[in-house]
Amino acid sequence: MMLENVTDNNTAGEGAGMLKTRIAAGDVLVGTFAFLPSPQLVEILAAAGFDFIIIDMEHAPKDWSTVEHMIRAAENRGLPVLVRVAENSEKLILQCLEIGAEGIVLPFVQTAAQVRAAADAVFYPPQGRRGTCTVTRMTRYGADRQDFIAHCKRQNERLVIVAQIEDVTGAGNIAEIVAAEPGIDVVLMGRSDLASALGAPGQVDHPAVLEATEKMLESVRQSPRRVAASVGAYTQDEVQRWLGRGCSIFFAASEGLLFYNAATKWLKEMRDAANCTSIPGRGG
């Protein structure tokens, strides 16, 4: 598969509920974390054609009103949106889902028990034990309460769970984490934290990090459950490397980094042009 499989999500509403389907189909997806508290940047990412975004609440906490506006901006542009919660907390997960997130990213997953606890918080019975409220944004403020059973079924069918593996314990338990039922849709291999855990901070290409990542991918491939694998991609070469090893979902570290890289590239090009091209009004 090539990255040309990525589709344009600019039509309002098209992305709603489709992320889980595309993950299950093995589509190649490219997204980014959204660290900055900006609905406008979410709209720009949608216009650029990203397949999904992950609003970060772990390293870049935001107030709930801002997160809701960011989710609304994504929905209006048909851009699937997940939220990385600050911790694996039933209440935090519930709040993310009630304001409209299409799923959650769980940081620092180490055990299958943590996956099952998160699934309990995500899914309505009988799949889980999600708290019930019929007047939230996700129930259209009460419009869906007359057929709440159908609402629960829709939610259980569409919500995505991503488990982020970031340390040696999680990597060692990857087979059980992937196999947990009810379980995850995606395993996200957090190589930055894994590098630190292995004594090589910042070295995502350290041999020990690559070996641990390869072993996790092998466990994902051998799992009886169909789970997609995801990894941060820093270069085009990395995309090809991990695509060939079974990854189908790639993401940029943050929209801020994308903006910084684009800004520095543009600035260099402008300064290079100014240095080598005669500019009217400067004499000569």
C-alpha atoms as a PDB file:
ATOM      1  CA  MET A   1       0.000   0.000   0.000  1.00  0.00           C
ATOM      2  CA  MET A   2       1.126   3.520  -0.768  1.00  0.00           C
ATOM      3  CA  LEU A   3       0.241   6.796   0.877  1.00  0.00           C
ATOM      4  CA  GLU A   4      -1.959   7.677  -2.099  1.00  0.00           C
ATOM      5  CA  ASN A   5      -4.658   5.692  -0.256  1.00  0.00           C
ATOM      6  CA  VAL A   6      -5.115   8.721   2.001  1.00  0.00           C
ATOM      7  CA  THR A   7      -8.348  10.552   1.210  1.00  0.00           C
ATOM      8  CA  ASP A   8      -9.559  14.136   1.437  1.00  0.00           C
ATOM      9  CA  ASN A   9     -11.746  14.832   4.475  1.00  0.00           C
ATOM     10  CA  ASN A  10     -12.850  18.355   3.602  1.00  0.00           C
ATOM     11  CA  THR A  11     -16.577  17.713   3.299  1.00  0.00           C
ATOM     12  CA  ALA A  12     -18.390  18.430   6.551  1.00  0.00           C
ATOM     13  CA  GLY A  13     -19.584  15.301   8.318  1.00  0.00           C
ATOM     14  CA  GLU A  14     -17.853  12.748   6.077  1.00  0.00           C
ATOM     15  CA  GLY A  15     -15.344  11.727   8.727  1.00  0.00           C
ATOM     16  CA  ALA A  16     -17.900  11.047  11.456  1.00  0.00           C
ATOM     17  CA  GLY A  17     -17.858   7.392  12.433  1.00  0.00           C
ATOM     18  CA  MET A  18     -15.582   6.398   9.566  1.00  0.00           C
ATOM     19  CA  LEU A  19     -12.243   6.220  11.377  1.00  0.00           C
ATOM     20  CA  LYS A  20     -12.914   2.845  13.001  1.00  0.00           C
ATOM     21  CA  THR A  21     -14.032   1.420   9.653  1.00  0.00           C
ATOM     22  CA  ARG A  22     -10.899   2.635   7.890  1.00  0.00           C
ATOM     23  CA  ILE A  23      -8.650   1.308  10.654  1.00  0.00           C
ATOM     24  CA  ALA A  24     -10.285  -2.118  10.433  1.00  0.00           C
ATOM     25  CA  ALA A  25      -9.895  -2.092   6.650  1.00  0.00           C
ATOM     26  CA  GLY A  26      -6.150  -1.556   6.975  1.00  0.00           C
ATOM     27  CA  ASP A  27      -6.167   1.808   5.191  1.00  0.00           C
ATOM     28  CA  VAL A  28      -2.968   3.822   5.377  1.00  0.00           C
ATOM     29  CA  LEU A  29      -3.791   6.847   7.528  1.00  0.00           C
ATOM     30  CA  VAL A  30      -1.767   9.951   8.315  1.00  0.00           C
ATOM     31  CA  GLY A  31      -2.585  12.254  11.220  1.00  0.00           C
ATOM     32  CA  THR A  32      -1.070  14.531  13.799  1.00  0.00           C
ATOM     33  CA  PHE A  33      -1.298  15.426  17.458  1.00  0.00           C
ATOM     34  CA  ALA A  34      -2.935  18.796  18.116  1.00  0.00           C
ATOM     35  CA  PHE A  35      -1.184  20.450  21.055  1.00  0.00           C
ATOM     36  CA  LEU A  36      -2.218  24.063  20.530  1.00  0.00           C
ATOM     37  CA  PRO A  37      -5.632  25.179  21.864  1.00  0.00           C
ATOM     38  CA  SER A  38      -6.943  26.345  18.503  1.00  0.00           C
ATOM     39  CA  PRO A  39     -10.101  25.347  16.599  1.00  0.00           C
ATOM     40  CA  GLN A  40      -8.770  27.385  13.680  1.00  0.00           C
ATOM     41  CA  LEU A  41      -5.669  25.207  13.397  1.00  0.00           C
ATOM     42  CA  VAL A  42      -7.934  22.155  13.449  1.00  0.00           C
ATOM     43  CA  GLU A  43      -9.770  23.590  10.436  1.00  0.00           C
ATOM     44  CA  ILE A  44      -6.443  24.148   8.669  1.00  0.00           C
ATOM     45  CA  LEU A  45      -5.409  20.539   9.303  1.00  0.00           C
ATOM     46  CA  ALA A  46      -8.739  19.394   7.869  1.00  0.00           C
ATOM     47  CA  ALA A  47      -8.271  21.579   4.793  1.00  0.00           C
ATOM     48  CA  ALA A  48      -4.778  20.124   4.348  1.00  0.00           C
ATOM     49  CA  GLY A  49      -6.325  16.643   4.101  1.00  0.00           C
ATOM     50  CA  PHE A  50      -5.203  14.880   7.289  1.00  0.00           C
ATOM     51  CA  ASP A  51      -7.024  11.619   8.007  1.00  0.00           C
ATOM     52  CA  PHE A  52      -7.357  12.247  11.751  1.00  0.00           C
ATOM     53  CA  ILE A  53      -6.088  14.372  14.606  1.00  0.00           C
ATOM     54  CA  ILE A  54      -5.414  13.590  18.252  1.00  0.00           C
ATOM     55  CA  ILE A  55      -6.143  16.451  20.634  1.00  0.00           C
ATOM     56  CA  ASP A  56      -3.528  16.217  23.361  1.00  0.00           C
ATOM     57  CA  MET A  57      -4.563  16.572  26.998  1.00  0.00           C
ATOM     58  CA  GLU A  58      -1.533  14.817  28.500  1.00  0.00           C
ATOM     59  CA  HIS A  59       1.363  17.165  27.758  1.00  0.00           C
ATOM     60  CA  ALA A  60      -0.749  20.145  26.664  1.00  0.00           C
ATOM     61  CA  PRO A  61      -3.836  20.318  28.906  1.00  0.00           C
ATOM     62  CA  LYS A  62      -6.714  22.544  27.821  1.00  0.00           C
ATOM     63  CA  ASP A  63     -10.004  23.586  29.316  1.00  0.00           C
ATOM     64  CA  TRP A  64     -12.992  21.503  28.296  1.00  0.00           C
ATOM     65  CA  SER A  65     -14.679  24.354  26.442  1.00  0.00           C
ATOM     66  CA  THR A  66     -11.640  24.684  24.159  1.00  0.00           C
ATOM     67  CA  VAL A  67     -11.514  20.929  23.543  1.00  0.00           C
ATOM     68  CA  GLU A  68     -15.217  20.942  22.658  1.00  0.00           C
ATOM     69  CA  HIS A  69     -14.692  23.781  20.176  1.00  0.00           C
ATOM     70  CA  MET A  70     -11.758  21.890  18.624  1.00  0.00           C
ATOM     71  CA  ILE A  71     -13.910  18.771  18.289  1.00  0.00           C
ATOM     72  CA  ARG A  72     -16.721  20.830  16.757  1.00  0.00           C
ATOM     73  CA  ALA A  73     -14.297  22.367  14.249  1.00  0.00           C
ATOM     74  CA  ALA A  74     -13.117  18.886  13.251  1.00  0.00           C
ATOM     75  CA  GLU A  75     -16.659  17.578  12.896  1.00  0.00           C
ATOM     76  CA  ASN A  76     -17.678  20.518  10.723  1.00  0.00           C
ATOM     77  CA  ARG A  77     -14.861  19.658   8.307  1.00  0.00           C
ATOM     78  CA  GLY A  78     -15.381  15.892   8.381  1.00  0.00           C
ATOM     79  CA  LEU A  79     -12.100  15.287  10.226  1.00  0.00           C
ATOM     80  CA  PRO A  80     -12.082  12.351  12.682  1.00  0.00           C
ATOM     81  CA  VAL A  81     -10.857  13.456  16.097  1.00  0.00           C
ATOM     82  CA  LEU A  82      -9.494  11.495  19.056  1.00  0.00           C
ATOM     83  CA  VAL A  83      -8.384  12.804  22.435  1.00  0.00           C
ATOM     84  CA  ARG A  84      -5.280  11.670  24.304  1.00  0.00           C
ATOM     85  CA  VAL A  85      -6.394  11.749  27.921  1.00  0.00           C
ATOM     86  CA  ALA A  86      -4.027  12.834  30.668  1.00  0.00           C
ATOM     87  CA  GLU A  87      -4.386   9.439  32.331  1.00  0.00           C
ATOM     88  CA  ASN A  88      -6.429   6.265  32.117  1.00  0.00           C
ATOM     89  CA  SER A  89      -9.312   7.669  34.156  1.00  0.00           C
ATOM     90  CA  GLU A  90     -12.949   6.632  33.814  1.00  0.00           C
ATOM     91  CA  LYS A  91     -14.174  10.201  34.352  1.00  0.00           C
ATOM     92  CA  LEU A  92     -11.711  11.796  31.925  1.00  0.00           C
ATOM     93  CA  ILE A  93     -12.618   9.254  29.256  1.00  0.00           C
ATOM     94  CA  LEU A  94     -16.335   9.837  29.827  1.00  0.00           C
ATOM     95  CA  GLN A  95     -15.976  13.604  29.544  1.00  0.00           C
ATOM     96  CA  CYS A  96     -14.057  13.315  26.251  1.00  0.00           C
ATOM     97  CA  LEU A  97     -16.715  11.089  24.737  1.00  0.00           C
ATOM     98  CA  GLU A  98     -19.689  13.098  25.966  1.00  0.00           C
ATOM     99  CA  ILE A  99     -18.431  16.230  24.187  1.00  0.00           C
ATOM    100  CA  GLY A 100     -17.951  14.346  20.925  1.00  0.00           C
ATOM    101  CA  ALA A 101     -14.559  12.652  20.635  1.00  0.00           C
ATOM    102  CA  GLU A 102     -14.561   9.710  18.235  1.00  0.00           C
ATOM    103  CA  GLY A 103     -12.262   7.808  20.553  1.00  0.00           C
ATOM    104  CA  ILE A 104      -9.412   8.064  23.005  1.00  0.00           C
ATOM    105  CA  VAL A 105      -5.672   7.546  23.148  1.00  0.00           C
ATOM    106  CA  LEU A 106      -4.451   5.997  26.393  1.00  0.00           C
ATOM    107  CA  PRO A 107      -0.939   7.026  27.439  1.00  0.00           C
ATOM    108  CA  PHE A 108       1.547   4.694  29.119  1.00  0.00           C
ATOM    109  CA  VAL A 109      -0.392   1.432  28.813  1.00  0.00           C
ATOM    110  CA  GLN A 110       1.412  -1.412  30.575  1.00  0.00           C
ATOM    111  CA  THR A 111      -1.154  -4.185  31.080  1.00  0.00           C
ATOM    112  CA  ALA A 112      -4.206  -5.819  29.561  1.00  0.00           C
ATOM    113  CA  ALA A 113      -6.119  -4.925  32.738  1.00  0.00           C
ATOM    114  CA  GLN A 114      -5.647  -1.244  31.914  1.00  0.00           C
ATOM    115  CA  VAL A 115      -7.082  -1.842  28.445  1.00  0.00           C
ATOM    116  CA  ARG A 116     -10.130  -3.605  29.866  1.00  0.00           C
ATOM    117  CA  ALA A 117     -10.704  -0.789  32.385  1.00  0.00           C
ATOM    118  CA  ALA A 118     -10.577   1.786  29.595  1.00  0.00           C
ATOM    119  CA  ALA A 119     -12.947  -0.264  27.434  1.00  0.00           C
ATOM    120  CA  ASP A 120     -15.380  -0.402  30.347  1.00  0.00           C
ATOM    121  CA  ALA A 121     -15.315   3.407  30.433  1.00  0.00           C
ATOM    122  CA  VAL A 122     -15.677   3.782  26.654  1.00  0.00           C
ATOM    123  CA  PHE A 123     -18.462   1.344  25.825  1.00  0.00           C
ATOM    124  CA  TYR A 124     -22.060   1.187  26.953  1.00  0.00           C
ATOM    125  CA  PRO A 125     -23.393  -2.144  28.276  1.00  0.00           C
ATOM    126  CA  PRO A 126     -23.208  -4.937  27.418  1.00  0.00           C
ATOM    127  CA  GLN A 127     -19.696  -4.259  26.056  1.00  0.00           C
ATOM    128  CA  GLY A 128     -18.719  -1.966  28.910  1.00  0.00           C
ATOM    129  CA  ARG A 129     -19.986   0.054  31.847  1.00  0.00           C
ATOM    130  CA  ARG A 130     -19.987   3.594  30.508  1.00  0.00           C
ATOM    131  CA  GLY A 131     -21.967   6.045  32.599  1.00  0.00           C
ATOM    132  CA  THR A 132     -25.374   7.021  31.265  1.00  0.00           C
ATOM    133  CA  CYS A 133     -26.590  10.544  30.568  1.00  0.00           C
ATOM    134  CA  THR A 134     -29.204  11.335  27.931  1.00  0.00           C
ATOM    135  CA  VAL A 135     -28.744  15.119  27.680  1.00  0.00           C
ATOM    136  CA  THR A 136     -25.089  15.581  26.643  1.00  0.00           C
ATOM    137  CA  ARG A 137     -23.694  16.926  23.388  1.00  0.00           C
ATOM    138  CA  MET A 138     -23.339  13.362  22.073  1.00  0.00           C
ATOM    139  CA  THR A 139     -27.049  12.746  22.599  1.00  0.00           C
ATOM    140  CA  ARG A 140     -27.827  16.083  20.880  1.00  0.00           C
ATOM    141  CA  TYR A 141     -28.719  17.559  24.273  1.00  0.00           C
ATOM    142  CA  GLY A 142     -31.585  15.126  24.752  1.00  0.00           C
ATOM    143  CA  ALA A 143     -32.839  14.752  21.187  1.00  0.00           C
ATOM    144  CA  ASP A 144     -31.670  11.120  21.137  1.00  0.00           C
ATOM    145  CA  ARG A 145     -33.058  10.123  24.523  1.00  0.00           C
ATOM    146  CA  GLN A 146     -36.263   8.672  23.025  1.00  0.00           C
ATOM    147  CA  ASP A 147     -34.181   6.031  21.284  1.00  0.00           C
ATOM    148  CA  PHE A 148     -31.222   5.843  23.628  1.00  0.00           C
ATOM    149  CA  ILE A 149     -30.678   2.148  22.898  1.00  0.00           C
ATOM    150  CA  ALA A 150     -29.946   2.975  19.266  1.00  0.00           C
ATOM    151  CA  HIS A 151     -27.612   5.763  20.391  1.00  0.00           C
ATOM    152  CA  CYS A 152     -25.679   3.351  22.597  1.00  0.00           C
ATOM    153  CA  LYS A 153     -25.368   0.867  19.745  1.00  0.00           C
ATOM    154  CA  ARG A 154     -24.044   3.557  17.391  1.00  0.00           C
ATOM    155  CA  GLN A 155     -21.481   4.675  19.932  1.00  0.00           C
ATOM    156  CA  ASN A 156     -20.265   1.158  20.632  1.00  0.00           C
ATOM    157  CA  GLU A 157     -19.801   0.586  16.901  1.00  0.00           C
ATOM    158  CA  ARG A 158     -17.897   3.806  16.164  1.00  0.00           C
ATOM    159  CA  LEU A 159     -15.615   4.532  19.120  1.00  0.00           C
ATOM    160  CA  VAL A 160     -11.869   3.929  18.774  1.00  0.00           C
ATOM    161  CA  ILE A 161      -9.382   2.974  21.491  1.00  0.00           C
ATOM    162  CA  VAL A 162      -5.656   3.502  20.966  1.00  0.00           C
ATOM    163  CA  ALA A 163      -3.130   2.105  23.450  1.00  0.00           C
ATOM    164  CA  GLN A 164       0.181   3.920  23.606  1.00  0.00           C
ATOM    165  CA  ILE A 165       3.101   1.675  24.602  1.00  0.00           C
ATOM    166  CA  GLU A 166       5.927   3.737  26.044  1.00  0.00           C
ATOM    167  CA  ASP A 167       8.077   1.633  28.346  1.00  0.00           C
ATOM    168  CA  VAL A 168       9.719  -1.753  28.794  1.00  0.00           C
ATOM    169  CA  THR A 169       6.839  -3.156  30.856  1.00  0.00           C
ATOM    170  CA  GLY A 170       4.259  -2.305  28.214  1.00  0.00           C
ATOM    171  CA  ALA A 171       6.488  -3.645  25.440  1.00  0.00           C
ATOM    172  CA  GLY A 172       6.936  -6.890  27.371  1.00  0.00           C
ATOM    173  CA  ASN A 173       3.184  -7.288  27.811  1.00  0.00           C
ATOM    174  CA  ILE A 174       2.263  -6.329  24.248  1.00  0.00           C
ATOM    175  CA  ALA A 175       0.775  -9.712  23.314  1.00  0.00           C
ATOM    176  CA  GLU A 176      -1.674  -9.607  26.237  1.00  0.00           C
ATOM    177  CA  ILE A 177      -2.460  -5.922  25.651  1.00  0.00           C
ATOM    178  CA  VAL A 178      -3.349  -6.508  22.006  1.00  0.00           C
ATOM    179  CA  ALA A 179      -5.402  -9.637  22.774  1.00  0.00           C
ATOM    180  CA  ALA A 180      -7.520  -8.059  25.550  1.00  0.00           C
ATOM    181  CA  GLU A 181     -11.295  -8.171  25.066  1.00  0.00           C
ATOM    182  CA  PRO A 182     -13.048  -5.831  24.784  1.00  0.00           C
ATOM    183  CA  GLY A 183      -9.965  -4.193  23.485  1.00  0.00           C
ATOM    184  CA  ILE A 184      -8.061  -1.726  21.407  1.00  0.00           C
ATOM    185  CA  ASP A 185      -8.211  -0.828  17.732  1.00  0.00           C
ATOM    186  CA  VAL A 186      -4.675   0.539  17.476  1.00  0.00           C
ATOM    187  CA  VAL A 187      -1.392   0.066  19.284  1.00  0.00           C
ATOM    188  CA  LEU A 188       0.715   3.220  19.138  1.00  0.00           C
ATOM    189  CA  MET A 189       4.410   2.650  19.729  1.00  0.00           C
ATOM    190  CA  GLY A 190       5.777   5.679  21.546  1.00  0.00           C
ATOM    191  CA  ARG A 191       9.425   5.459  20.623  1.00  0.00           C
ATOM    192  CA  SER A 192      10.468   8.694  22.328  1.00  0.00           C
ATOM    193  CA  ASP A 193       9.473   7.554  25.810  1.00  0.00           C
ATOM    194  CA  LEU A 194      10.609   4.027  25.023  1.00  0.00           C
ATOM    195  CA  ALA A 195      14.040   5.409  24.136  1.00  0.00           C
ATOM    196  CA  SER A 196      14.212   7.163  27.505  1.00  0.00           C
ATOM    197  CA  ALA A 197      13.103   3.995  29.288  1.00  0.00           C
ATOM    198  CA  LEU A 198      15.911   2.104  27.554  1.00  0.00           C
ATOM    199  CA  GLY A 199      18.510   4.667  28.613  1.00  0.00           C
ATOM    200  CA  ALA A 200      18.772   6.403  25.230  1.00  0.00           C
ATOM    201  CA  PRO A 201      16.676   9.594  25.554  1.00  0.00           C
ATOM    202  CA  GLY A 202      15.904  11.274  22.240  1.00  0.00           C
ATOM    203  CA  GLN A 203      17.395   8.408  20.214  1.00  0.00           C
ATOM    204  CA  VAL A 204      14.357   6.908  18.489  1.00  0.00           C
ATOM    205  CA  ASP A 205      16.645   5.054  16.062  1.00  0.00           C
ATOM    206  CA  HIS A 206      18.791   3.505  18.791  1.00  0.00           C
ATOM    207  CA  PRO A 207      19.262  -0.246  18.120  1.00  0.00           C
ATOM    208  CA  ALA A 208      17.539  -1.172  21.394  1.00  0.00           C
ATOM    209  CA  VAL A 209      14.533   0.989  20.518  1.00  0.00           C
ATOM    210  CA  LEU A 210      14.297  -0.442  17.014  1.00  0.00           C
ATOM    211  CA  GLU A 211      14.581  -4.001  18.357  1.00  0.00           C
ATOM    212  CA  ALA A 212      11.817  -3.416  20.917  1.00  0.00           C
ATOM    213  CA  THR A 213       9.604  -1.831  18.252  1.00  0.00           C
ATOM    214  CA  GLU A 214      10.178  -4.745  15.869  1.00  0.00           C
ATOM    215  CA  LYS A 215       9.223  -7.227  18.598  1.00  0.00           C
ATOM    216  CA  MET A 216       6.019  -5.314  19.322  1.00  0.00           C
ATOM    217  CA  LEU A 217       5.109  -5.292  15.643  1.00  0.00           C
ATOM    218  CA  GLU A 218       5.659  -9.034  15.461  1.00  0.00           C
ATOM    219  CA  SER A 219       3.271  -9.531  18.393  1.00  0.00           C
ATOM    220  CA  VAL A 220       0.673  -7.358  16.649  1.00  0.00           C
ATOM    221  CA  ARG A 221       1.013  -9.384  13.445  1.00  0.00           C
ATOM    222  CA  GLN A 222       0.608 -12.678  15.335  1.00  0.00           C
ATOM    223  CA  SER A 223      -2.339 -11.546  17.456  1.00  0.00           C
ATOM    224  CA  PRO A 224      -5.679 -13.356  16.977  1.00  0.00           C
ATOM    225  CA  ARG A 225      -7.324  -9.919  17.170  1.00  0.00           C
ATOM    226  CA  ARG A 226      -7.006  -7.562  14.221  1.00  0.00           C
ATOM    227  CA  VAL A 227      -5.247  -4.512  15.624  1.00  0.00           C
ATOM    228  CA  ALA A 228      -3.573  -1.774  13.596  1.00  0.00           C
ATOM    229  CA  ALA A 229      -0.063  -0.582  14.386  1.00  0.00           C
ATOM    230  CA  SER A 230       0.901   3.086  14.546  1.00  0.00           C
ATOM    231  CA  VAL A 231       4.188   4.938  14.835  1.00  0.00           C
ATOM    232  CA  GLY A 232       5.462   8.486  14.689  1.00  0.00           C
ATOM    233  CA  ALA A 233       7.040   9.190  11.304  1.00  0.00           C
ATOM    234  CA  TYR A 234       9.825  11.748  11.174  1.00  0.00           C
ATOM    235  CA  THR A 235      10.836  11.290   7.521  1.00  0.00           C
ATOM    236  CA  GLN A 236       9.522   9.748   4.307  1.00  0.00           C
ATOM    237  CA  ASP A 237      12.106   6.966   4.653  1.00  0.00           C
ATOM    238  CA  GLU A 238      10.625   6.085   8.034  1.00  0.00           C
ATOM    239  CA  VAL A 239       7.187   5.765   6.499  1.00  0.00           C
ATOM    240  CA  GLN A 240       8.506   3.234   3.994  1.00  0.00           C
ATOM    241  CA  ARG A 241      10.423   1.348   6.693  1.00  0.00           C
ATOM    242  CA  TRP A 242       7.479   0.927   9.039  1.00  0.00           C
ATOM    243  CA  LEU A 243       4.911   0.441   6.277  1.00  0.00           C
ATOM    244  CA  GLY A 244       6.934  -2.562   5.165  1.00  0.00           C
ATOM    245  CA  ARG A 245       6.833  -3.950   8.696  1.00  0.00           C
ATOM    246  CA  GLY A 246       3.075  -3.778   9.131  1.00  0.00           C
ATOM    247  CA  CYS A 247       2.339  -0.244  10.336  1.00  0.00           C
ATOM    248  CA  SER A 248      -0.623   1.391   8.649  1.00  0.00           C
ATOM    249  CA  ILE A 249      -1.096   4.548  10.735  1.00  0.00           C
ATOM    250  CA  PHE A 250       1.432   7.365  10.890  1.00  0.00           C
ATOM    251  CA  PHE A 251       1.404  10.648  12.738  1.00  0.00           C
ATOM    252  CA  ALA A 252       3.383  13.833  13.198  1.00  0.00           C
ATOM    253  CA  ALA A 253       4.469  14.707  16.710  1.00  0.00           C
ATOM    254  CA  SER A 254       2.439  17.931  16.734  1.00  0.00           C
ATOM    255  CA  GLU A 255       0.869  20.549  14.520  1.00  0.00           C
ATOM    256  CA  GLY A 256       3.221  23.051  16.146  1.00  0.00           C
ATOM    257  CA  LEU A 257       6.226  21.121  14.841  1.00  0.00           C
ATOM    258  CA  LEU A 258       4.678  21.025  11.365  1.00  0.00           C
ATOM    259  CA  PHE A 259       4.205  24.791  11.484  1.00  0.00           C
ATOM    260  CA  TYR A 260       7.760  25.328  12.776  1.00  0.00           C
ATOM    261  CA  ASN A 261       9.260  23.164  10.032  1.00  0.00           C
ATOM    262  CA  ALA A 262       7.239  24.905   7.322  1.00  0.00           C
ATOM    263  CA  ALA A 263       8.092  28.345   8.711  1.00  0.00           C
ATOM    264  CA  THR A 264      11.830  27.673   8.924  1.00  0.00           C
ATOM    265  CA  LYS A 265      11.866  26.188   5.412  1.00  0.00           C
ATOM    266  CA  TRP A 266      10.026  29.211   3.988  1.00  0.00           C
ATOM    267  CA  LEU A 267      12.251  31.650   5.865  1.00  0.00           C
ATOM    268  CA  LYS A 268      15.416  29.968   4.612  1.00  0.00           C
ATOM    269  CA  GLU A 269      14.130  30.043   1.043  1.00  0.00           C
ATOM    270  CA  MET A 270      13.283  33.765   1.323  1.00  0.00           C
ATOM    271  CA  ARG A 271      16.652  34.654   2.834  1.00  0.00           C
ATOM    272  CA  ASP A 272      18.477  32.583   0.234  1.00  0.00           C
ATOM    273  CA  ALA A 273      16.564  34.421  -2.484  1.00  0.00           C
ATOM    274  CA  ALA A 274      17.370  37.802  -0.931  1.00  0.00           C
ATOM    275  CA  ASN A 275      21.065  37.002  -0.762  1.00  0.00           C
ATOM    276  CA  CYS A 276      21.452  35.885  -4.355  1.00  0.00           C
ATOM    277  CA  THR A 277      18.918  38.009  -6.258  1.00  0.00           C
ATOM    278  CA  SER A 278      19.080  41.689  -7.068  1.00  0.00           C
ATOM    279  CA  ILE A 279      16.266  43.478  -5.245  1.00  0.00           C
ATOM    280  CA  PRO A 280      14.921  46.774  -6.696  1.00  0.00           C
ATOM    281  CA  GLY A 281      15.635  49.821  -4.560  1.00  0.00           C
ATOM    282  CA  ARG A 282      18.904  48.548  -3.105  1.00  0.00           C
ATOM    283  CA  GLY A 283      21.212  50.334  -5.502  1.00  0.00           C
ATOM    284  CA  GLY A 284      23.485  48.950  -8.180  1.00  0.00           C
END
